[in-house]
Amino acid sequence: NPPMAGHCTVLVEILDVNDNVPELVIKSLSLPVLEDTPLGTVLALISVSDRDSGANGQLTCTLSPHVPFKL
């Protein structure tokens, strides 16, 4: 059996409604992902911050409902 490979694109959309732009930093990234990688394996760590104060600095990270990833 020949080796199988695939790829996917993860699109990150950052929405901002006030003064300071939110920042996203990739802290670590594990690639490639092997076929026998156990479920629940952490593939990436990201950090998101916003310099706005109070409620304007609160962040919410979500994924579209039909993607094969979890936060």
N, C-alpha and C. Protein backbone atom coordinates (compact mmCIF):
# COMPACT_ATOMS: atom_id res chain seq x y z
N ASN A 1 0.84 -1.19 0.00
CA ASN A 1 0.00 0.00 0.00
C ASN A 1 0.88 1.25 0.00
N PRO A 2 0.64 2.14 -0.92
CA PRO A 2 1.44 3.37 -0.95
C PRO A 2 1.09 4.27 0.24
N PRO A 3 2.05 5.06 0.71
CA PRO A 3 1.75 5.98 1.80
C PRO A 3 0.69 6.99 1.37
N MET A 4 -0.15 7.36 2.32
CA MET A 4 -1.21 8.33 2.02
C MET A 4 -0.86 9.65 2.70
N ALA A 5 -1.23 10.73 2.06
CA ALA A 5 -0.98 12.06 2.61
C ALA A 5 -2.17 12.96 2.29
N GLY A 6 -2.30 13.98 3.05
CA GLY A 6 -3.36 14.96 2.81
C GLY A 6 -2.95 16.27 3.45
N HIS A 7 -3.75 17.25 3.23
CA HIS A 7 -3.47 18.55 3.83
C HIS A 7 -4.78 19.27 4.11
N CYS A 8 -4.70 20.26 4.96
CA CYS A 8 -5.86 21.10 5.21
C CYS A 8 -5.37 22.51 5.51
N THR A 9 -6.23 23.45 5.31
CA THR A 9 -5.94 24.84 5.61
C THR A 9 -6.82 25.27 6.77
N VAL A 10 -6.22 25.91 7.74
CA VAL A 10 -6.97 26.46 8.87
C VAL A 10 -6.97 27.97 8.70
N LEU A 11 -8.14 28.53 8.49
CA LEU A 11 -8.29 29.97 8.30
C LEU A 11 -8.64 30.60 9.63
N VAL A 12 -7.85 31.58 10.04
CA VAL A 12 -8.10 32.30 11.29
C VAL A 12 -8.60 33.69 10.93
N GLU A 13 -9.79 34.01 11.40
CA GLU A 13 -10.38 35.33 11.15
C GLU A 13 -10.44 36.06 12.48
N ILE A 14 -9.81 37.23 12.54
CA ILE A 14 -9.79 38.02 13.77
C ILE A 14 -10.66 39.25 13.55
N LEU A 15 -11.68 39.36 14.38
CA LEU A 15 -12.60 40.49 14.30
C LEU A 15 -12.29 41.46 15.44
N ASP A 16 -12.28 42.74 15.14
CA ASP A 16 -12.00 43.76 16.15
C ASP A 16 -13.00 44.88 16.01
N VAL A 17 -13.52 45.36 17.12
CA VAL A 17 -14.55 46.40 17.05
C VAL A 17 -14.17 47.64 17.86
N ASN A 18 -12.92 47.76 18.28
CA ASN A 18 -12.55 48.92 19.07
C ASN A 18 -11.13 49.38 18.74
N ASP A 19 -10.44 49.99 19.69
CA ASP A 19 -9.20 50.71 19.43
C ASP A 19 -8.00 49.84 19.03
N ASN A 20 -7.62 48.91 19.87
CA ASN A 20 -6.40 48.14 19.64
C ASN A 20 -6.69 46.84 18.92
N VAL A 21 -5.81 46.50 18.00
CA VAL A 21 -5.95 45.28 17.21
C VAL A 21 -5.55 44.07 18.05
N PRO A 22 -6.37 43.02 18.09
CA PRO A 22 -5.96 41.80 18.81
C PRO A 22 -4.73 41.17 18.14
N GLU A 23 -3.91 40.50 18.94
CA GLU A 23 -2.71 39.85 18.43
C GLU A 23 -2.81 38.36 18.65
N LEU A 24 -2.46 37.58 17.63
CA LEU A 24 -2.44 36.12 17.71
C LEU A 24 -1.00 35.67 17.50
N VAL A 25 -0.49 34.87 18.43
CA VAL A 25 0.87 34.37 18.34
C VAL A 25 0.82 32.84 18.41
N ILE A 26 1.47 32.17 17.47
CA ILE A 26 1.58 30.71 17.51
C ILE A 26 2.74 30.38 18.43
N LYS A 27 2.43 29.74 19.58
CA LYS A 27 3.45 29.39 20.57
C LYS A 27 4.17 28.11 20.19
N SER A 28 3.45 27.14 19.64
CA SER A 28 4.07 25.90 19.17
C SER A 28 3.16 25.27 18.13
N LEU A 29 3.76 24.49 17.25
CA LEU A 29 3.02 23.86 16.16
C LEU A 29 3.68 22.52 15.85
N SER A 30 2.91 21.43 15.91
CA SER A 30 3.44 20.08 15.65
C SER A 30 3.00 19.62 14.27
N LEU A 31 3.93 19.61 13.34
CA LEU A 31 3.64 19.14 11.99
C LEU A 31 4.78 18.26 11.53
N PRO A 32 4.57 17.26 10.73
CA PRO A 32 3.28 16.78 10.24
C PRO A 32 2.55 16.00 11.32
N VAL A 33 1.27 15.75 11.08
CA VAL A 33 0.45 14.93 11.96
C VAL A 33 0.41 13.53 11.36
N LEU A 34 0.92 12.58 12.09
CA LEU A 34 0.99 11.21 11.57
C LEU A 34 -0.36 10.52 11.67
N GLU A 35 -0.55 9.52 10.83
CA GLU A 35 -1.81 8.79 10.76
C GLU A 35 -2.21 8.16 12.09
N ASP A 36 -1.23 7.71 12.86
CA ASP A 36 -1.54 7.04 14.12
C ASP A 36 -1.46 7.98 15.33
N THR A 37 -1.53 9.28 15.11
CA THR A 37 -1.53 10.25 16.21
C THR A 37 -2.79 10.03 17.04
N PRO A 38 -2.65 9.87 18.36
CA PRO A 38 -3.82 9.61 19.21
C PRO A 38 -4.82 10.78 19.21
N LEU A 39 -6.11 10.46 19.33
CA LEU A 39 -7.12 11.49 19.49
C LEU A 39 -6.79 12.32 20.71
N GLY A 40 -7.07 13.61 20.64
CA GLY A 40 -6.82 14.49 21.77
C GLY A 40 -5.41 15.06 21.83
N THR A 41 -4.56 14.69 20.86
CA THR A 41 -3.20 15.22 20.83
C THR A 41 -3.23 16.71 20.52
N VAL A 42 -2.48 17.49 21.29
CA VAL A 42 -2.38 18.93 21.04
C VAL A 42 -1.46 19.14 19.85
N LEU A 43 -1.96 19.83 18.83
CA LEU A 43 -1.18 20.08 17.62
C LEU A 43 -0.61 21.49 17.58
N ALA A 44 -1.28 22.43 18.23
CA ALA A 44 -0.81 23.81 18.22
C ALA A 44 -1.23 24.51 19.51
N LEU A 45 -0.39 25.41 19.96
CA LEU A 45 -0.73 26.29 21.07
C LEU A 45 -0.67 27.71 20.55
N ILE A 46 -1.75 28.45 20.77
CA ILE A 46 -1.77 29.84 20.33
C ILE A 46 -2.06 30.74 21.52
N SER A 47 -1.64 31.97 21.41
CA SER A 47 -1.92 32.97 22.42
C SER A 47 -2.61 34.14 21.72
N VAL A 48 -3.70 34.60 22.30
CA VAL A 48 -4.44 35.73 21.73
C VAL A 48 -4.54 36.79 22.81
N SER A 49 -4.22 38.03 22.47
CA SER A 49 -4.31 39.11 23.45
C SER A 49 -4.86 40.37 22.78
N ASP A 50 -5.39 41.25 23.62
CA ASP A 50 -5.95 42.53 23.15
C ASP A 50 -5.62 43.57 24.21
N ARG A 51 -4.98 44.66 23.82
CA ARG A 51 -4.55 45.68 24.77
C ARG A 51 -5.68 46.60 25.21
N ASP A 52 -6.88 46.45 24.65
CA ASP A 52 -8.00 47.25 25.12
C ASP A 52 -8.32 46.87 26.56
N SER A 53 -8.89 47.80 27.31
CA SER A 53 -9.18 47.53 28.72
C SER A 53 -10.65 47.17 28.92
N GLY A 54 -10.93 46.54 30.05
CA GLY A 54 -12.31 46.20 30.42
C GLY A 54 -12.96 45.25 29.43
N ALA A 55 -14.25 45.46 29.20
CA ALA A 55 -15.02 44.60 28.30
C ALA A 55 -14.46 44.62 26.88
N ASN A 56 -13.84 45.74 26.47
CA ASN A 56 -13.28 45.83 25.12
C ASN A 56 -12.06 44.93 24.93
N GLY A 57 -11.45 44.50 26.02
CA GLY A 57 -10.28 43.63 25.93
C GLY A 57 -10.61 42.16 26.07
N GLN A 58 -11.89 41.83 26.28
CA GLN A 58 -12.27 40.43 26.40
C GLN A 58 -12.19 39.74 25.05
N LEU A 59 -11.77 38.49 25.07
CA LEU A 59 -11.57 37.72 23.84
C LEU A 59 -12.45 36.48 23.85
N THR A 60 -12.91 36.08 22.68
CA THR A 60 -13.63 34.83 22.50
C THR A 60 -13.03 34.12 21.30
N CYS A 61 -12.62 32.87 21.48
CA CYS A 61 -12.07 32.08 20.38
C CYS A 61 -13.04 30.95 20.09
N THR A 62 -13.43 30.81 18.84
CA THR A 62 -14.35 29.75 18.44
C THR A 62 -13.90 29.15 17.12
N LEU A 63 -14.40 27.97 16.84
CA LEU A 63 -14.19 27.32 15.55
C LEU A 63 -15.54 27.14 14.89
N SER A 64 -15.56 27.11 13.59
CA SER A 64 -16.79 26.79 12.87
C SER A 64 -17.26 25.41 13.34
N PRO A 65 -18.56 25.17 13.35
CA PRO A 65 -19.07 23.93 13.94
C PRO A 65 -18.71 22.64 13.19
N HIS A 66 -18.35 22.71 11.94
CA HIS A 66 -18.15 21.48 11.16
C HIS A 66 -16.70 21.31 10.72
N VAL A 67 -15.77 21.50 11.64
CA VAL A 67 -14.35 21.28 11.34
C VAL A 67 -13.83 20.15 12.22
N PRO A 68 -12.82 19.43 11.77
CA PRO A 68 -12.32 18.29 12.56
C PRO A 68 -11.31 18.70 13.64
N PHE A 69 -11.54 19.84 14.28
CA PHE A 69 -10.64 20.34 15.31
C PHE A 69 -11.44 20.77 16.52
N LYS A 70 -10.77 20.87 17.69
CA LYS A 70 -11.40 21.38 18.90
C LYS A 70 -10.47 22.38 19.55
N LEU A 71 -11.05 23.34 20.25
CA LEU A 71 -10.26 24.27 21.06
C LEU A 71 -10.12 23.71 22.45
